[in-house]
C-alpha cells in the first residue's frame, strides 16, 4: 500500500492491532528537540493517518534518522506492551544489511558485544557498570561494486549499536559521517526484516522487504544469541 511520494514511509501490513511500515531514509522516527522535526517525523505522519481512520498509533521502537527499514507500531496499549516486552527480552528477530568500504572474505563472521552509554544524542562505548549491553552479529554476504554487503542481526536495540560494532572491527560503513567519516550519498544501513515469537499473538509474525544490497537472505531467522 504505497503512500504518496511525499510520505516518508510505505505500509507493508496492517490489522486491528498493528501497522508495519517501511521507513524511508533521512527521516526521524519521532520528533526531537529541533522544531523542524515536530511535524516531519514518521510517528506524526502515522498519527495523521490513524486519526483519519479513527484509530491510534503507538511507538514501539525506533530507527536512526539515516537508517531505512521495517518498523512496527501498535494500535492498542496492551499490544504495545507485549511488543516492547518482546524487544526487551531479545525475543524479536531484527535483521539488517549494510555495506562497508573494505573488501573482506565472504563468510567472515563476527559476534560483537559492547556496553553502550547514551548521553543525550551522544553514544559511546562504556563498561557494564555504566552502559547497556549491545549484541551484534555480522557476516560478509557478497560483494557489490562499492564494497562488501553484510548481513547483520542484533540481539538488542541500542542507539548506533551497528555503527559502533562496525567501527570496533575497523570497518568503514558507507555514508556514516558520525563514526566513519564517510561521505557516501546515503547511509548504507537498512533494516529489512522483523520477526516475532508466536506467544505475542500477532496474526502475522514476520515482516520482510527485499534487501537493497544482499544477493541472498541469510539462512537463519532466529534472533541473535547472547
Protein backbone atom coordinates (compact mmCIF):
# COMPACT_ATOMS: atom_id res chain seq x y z
CA UNK A 1 0.00 0.00 0.00
CA UNK A 2 2.38 2.75 -1.11
CA UNK A 3 1.64 6.27 0.04
CA UNK A 4 2.08 9.48 -1.90
CA UNK A 5 5.64 10.36 -2.81
CA UNK A 6 5.93 12.95 -0.04
CA UNK A 7 5.19 10.50 2.76
CA UNK A 8 8.38 9.07 4.28
CA UNK A 9 7.04 5.52 4.52
CA UNK A 10 5.21 2.66 2.81
CA UNK A 11 2.68 0.47 4.62
CA UNK A 12 3.69 -3.21 4.50
CA UNK A 13 0.97 -4.75 6.67
CA UNK A 14 -1.92 -3.64 8.85
CA UNK A 15 -4.66 -5.15 11.01
CA UNK A 16 -6.64 -4.04 14.06
CA UNK A 17 -3.60 -4.41 16.37
CA UNK A 18 -0.57 -3.21 14.42
CA UNK A 19 0.68 -1.30 11.43
CA UNK A 20 4.03 -2.25 9.90
CA UNK A 21 5.79 0.23 7.66
CA UNK A 22 8.98 0.68 5.72
CA UNK A 23 10.62 3.90 6.91
CA UNK A 24 12.48 5.75 4.21
CA UNK A 25 15.95 7.06 4.96
CA UNK A 26 16.65 10.54 6.33
CA UNK A 27 13.53 10.90 8.45
CA UNK A 28 13.25 10.76 12.24
CA UNK A 29 11.16 8.02 13.81
CA UNK A 30 9.78 10.53 16.33
CA UNK A 31 10.25 14.24 16.90
CA UNK A 32 13.39 15.64 18.52
CA UNK A 33 14.14 18.93 20.28
CA UNK A 34 14.53 20.53 16.85
CA UNK A 35 11.25 22.30 15.91
CA UNK A 36 11.82 21.29 12.28
CA UNK A 37 11.05 17.70 13.30
CA UNK A 38 7.83 18.44 15.20
CA UNK A 39 5.68 17.64 12.16
CA UNK A 40 8.18 15.95 9.85
CA UNK A 41 8.69 12.64 11.64
CA UNK A 42 7.35 9.18 10.94
CA UNK A 43 5.21 8.94 14.07
CA UNK A 44 3.44 12.21 13.25
CA UNK A 45 2.69 11.08 9.71
CA UNK A 46 1.21 7.85 11.04
CA UNK A 47 -0.78 9.74 13.67
CA UNK A 48 -2.39 11.84 10.97
CA UNK A 49 -3.20 8.68 9.05
CA UNK A 50 -4.61 6.96 12.14
CA UNK A 51 -6.77 9.97 13.01
CA UNK A 52 -8.43 9.78 9.60
CA UNK A 53 -9.34 6.17 10.38
CA UNK A 54 -10.43 6.99 13.95
CA UNK A 55 -7.58 4.88 15.34
CA UNK A 56 -4.49 5.32 17.49
CA UNK A 57 -0.86 4.59 16.72
CA UNK A 58 1.74 3.94 19.42
CA UNK A 59 5.53 3.90 19.17
CA UNK A 60 7.12 0.51 19.87
CA UNK A 61 10.75 1.01 18.75
CA UNK A 62 12.83 3.37 16.62
CA UNK A 63 15.32 3.50 13.78
CA UNK A 64 18.02 6.13 13.41
CA UNK A 65 17.36 9.13 11.19
CA UNK A 66 19.62 7.95 8.35
CA UNK A 67 18.59 4.28 8.55
CA UNK A 68 15.81 2.93 6.36
CA UNK A 69 13.82 -0.16 7.21
CA UNK A 70 10.92 -2.11 8.63
CA UNK A 71 9.20 -0.74 11.75
CA UNK A 72 6.18 -1.87 13.73
CA UNK A 73 3.68 0.37 15.52
CA UNK A 74 0.89 -0.74 17.86
CA UNK A 75 -2.71 0.44 17.78
CA UNK A 76 -3.59 -0.59 21.34
CA UNK A 77 -1.71 -0.03 24.62
CA UNK A 78 -1.77 -3.72 25.54
CA UNK A 79 -0.29 -4.66 22.16
CA UNK A 80 2.42 -2.04 22.58
CA UNK A 81 3.31 -3.51 25.99
CA UNK A 82 3.56 -7.06 24.60
CA UNK A 83 5.71 -5.95 21.69
CA UNK A 84 8.05 -3.85 23.79
CA UNK A 85 8.42 -6.68 26.32
CA UNK A 86 9.47 -8.99 23.47
CA UNK A 87 12.03 -6.44 22.26
CA UNK A 88 13.40 -6.02 25.78
CA UNK A 89 13.60 -9.80 26.29
CA UNK A 90 15.54 -10.11 23.00
CA UNK A 91 12.88 -12.38 21.51
CA UNK A 92 12.46 -10.30 18.34
CA UNK A 93 14.49 -11.15 15.26
CA UNK A 94 15.96 -7.90 13.95
CA UNK A 95 17.81 -8.21 10.65
CA UNK A 96 19.80 -5.54 8.85
CA UNK A 97 22.06 -5.18 5.86
CA UNK A 98 24.97 -2.81 5.45
CA UNK A 99 27.77 -2.05 3.04
CA UNK A 100 31.33 -1.45 4.14
CA UNK A 101 34.08 0.05 2.02
CA UNK A 102 36.55 -2.75 2.73
CA UNK A 103 36.62 -5.97 0.72
CA UNK A 104 36.68 -8.77 3.27
CA UNK A 105 36.46 -12.56 2.79
CA UNK A 106 32.91 -13.75 2.12
CA UNK A 107 31.55 -15.71 5.04
CA UNK A 108 33.74 -13.89 7.54
CA UNK A 109 31.66 -13.51 10.70
CA UNK A 110 31.92 -11.55 13.95
CA UNK A 111 29.99 -11.59 17.22
CA UNK A 112 30.35 -8.21 18.89
CA UNK A 113 29.29 -7.43 22.45
CA UNK A 114 29.69 -3.88 23.70
CA UNK A 115 28.32 -1.79 26.53
CA UNK A 116 26.99 1.49 25.16
CA UNK A 117 26.39 4.65 27.14
CA UNK A 118 23.83 7.17 25.86
CA UNK A 119 24.27 10.77 26.97
CA UNK A 120 21.68 12.80 25.10
CA UNK A 121 22.37 12.35 21.37
CA UNK A 122 25.90 11.12 22.06
CA UNK A 123 26.59 7.37 22.25
CA UNK A 124 29.92 5.91 23.33
CA UNK A 125 31.40 2.54 24.25
CA UNK A 126 31.48 2.13 28.02
CA UNK A 127 31.52 -0.72 30.56
CA UNK A 128 28.99 -3.00 32.22
CA UNK A 129 28.58 -0.64 35.17
CA UNK A 130 27.61 2.40 33.11
CA UNK A 131 26.43 1.13 29.71
CA UNK A 132 23.78 -1.20 28.32
CA UNK A 133 24.68 -4.42 26.53
CA UNK A 134 24.59 -4.31 22.72
CA UNK A 135 24.83 -7.64 20.86
CA UNK A 136 25.59 -7.59 17.13
CA UNK A 137 26.26 -10.49 14.75
CA UNK A 138 27.84 -9.62 11.41
CA UNK A 139 28.64 -11.76 8.36
CA UNK A 140 30.08 -10.87 4.96
CA UNK A 141 27.49 -11.89 2.35
CA UNK A 142 28.51 -10.71 -1.11
CA UNK A 143 30.45 -8.08 -3.00
CA UNK A 144 28.89 -5.15 -4.81
CA UNK A 145 30.66 -2.50 -6.85
CA UNK A 146 31.27 -0.17 -3.92
CA UNK A 147 32.19 -2.66 -1.19
CA UNK A 148 31.13 -5.70 0.81
CA UNK A 149 27.48 -6.28 1.71
CA UNK A 150 26.98 -7.52 5.27
CA UNK A 151 24.12 -9.49 6.82
CA UNK A 152 23.58 -8.32 10.39
CA UNK A 153 21.33 -9.41 13.25
CA UNK A 154 21.08 -7.71 16.62
CA UNK A 155 20.11 -9.16 19.97
CA UNK A 156 19.45 -5.74 21.46
CA UNK A 157 18.32 -2.41 20.10
CA UNK A 158 20.76 0.25 21.23
CA UNK A 159 21.17 3.61 19.56
CA UNK A 160 24.02 3.50 16.99
CA UNK A 161 24.97 -0.05 18.01
CA UNK A 162 25.62 -1.37 14.49
CA UNK A 163 27.74 1.65 13.62
CA UNK A 164 29.83 1.22 16.76
CA UNK A 165 30.16 -2.53 16.25
CA UNK A 166 31.49 -1.97 12.73
CA UNK A 167 33.82 0.73 13.99
CA UNK A 168 35.21 -1.69 16.58
CA UNK A 169 36.14 -4.03 13.72
CA UNK A 170 37.83 -1.17 11.83
CA UNK A 171 35.24 -1.35 9.04
CA UNK A 172 34.09 1.75 7.18
CA UNK A 173 30.30 1.87 6.98
CA UNK A 174 29.48 3.76 3.79
CA UNK A 175 27.66 7.00 4.46
CA UNK A 176 28.42 7.02 8.18
CA UNK A 177 29.58 10.57 8.74
CA UNK A 178 29.42 10.26 12.52
CA UNK A 179 31.72 7.33 13.24
CA UNK A 180 33.43 6.51 9.93
CA UNK A 181 33.85 9.98 8.42
CA UNK A 182 32.48 8.65 5.14
CA UNK A 183 30.57 10.92 2.77
CA UNK A 184 28.70 8.44 0.56
CA UNK A 185 25.35 9.67 -0.78
CA UNK A 186 23.38 7.75 1.86
CA UNK A 187 23.95 5.67 4.97
CA UNK A 188 24.23 2.11 3.70
CA UNK A 189 22.24 0.58 6.54
CA UNK A 190 18.80 -0.93 6.07
CA UNK A 191 16.53 -2.95 8.38
CA UNK A 192 14.98 -5.50 6.04
CA UNK A 193 13.24 -7.91 8.42
CA UNK A 194 11.43 -8.19 11.76
CA UNK A 195 10.18 -11.49 13.21
CA UNK A 196 8.19 -12.03 16.40
CA UNK A 197 7.61 -15.08 18.62
CA UNK A 198 4.26 -16.85 18.41
CA UNK A 199 3.38 -16.17 22.06
CA UNK A 200 2.82 -12.48 21.33
CA UNK A 201 -0.31 -13.48 19.44
CA UNK A 202 0.12 -11.44 16.27
CA UNK A 203 -1.90 -12.53 13.24
CA UNK A 204 1.27 -12.16 11.18
CA UNK A 205 4.64 -12.54 12.85
CA UNK A 206 7.26 -11.93 10.15
CA UNK A 207 7.70 -8.83 8.04
CA UNK A 208 10.31 -8.56 5.33
CA UNK A 209 11.23 -6.40 2.36
CA UNK A 210 13.56 -7.26 -0.48
CA UNK A 211 17.11 -6.35 0.63
CA UNK A 212 18.80 -3.49 -1.17
CA UNK A 213 22.32 -4.95 -1.29
CA UNK A 214 22.30 -8.57 -0.13
CA UNK A 215 22.14 -11.00 -3.03
CA UNK A 216 20.53 -13.67 -0.85
CA UNK A 217 18.83 -13.90 2.51
CA UNK A 218 20.74 -15.49 5.39
CA UNK A 219 19.54 -18.99 6.23
CA UNK A 220 18.84 -18.30 9.88
CA UNK A 221 15.71 -16.47 11.03
CA UNK A 222 16.49 -16.59 14.74
CA UNK A 223 17.31 -13.57 16.89
CA UNK A 224 20.93 -13.07 17.80
CA UNK A 225 22.01 -15.04 20.89
CA UNK A 226 23.88 -13.86 23.94
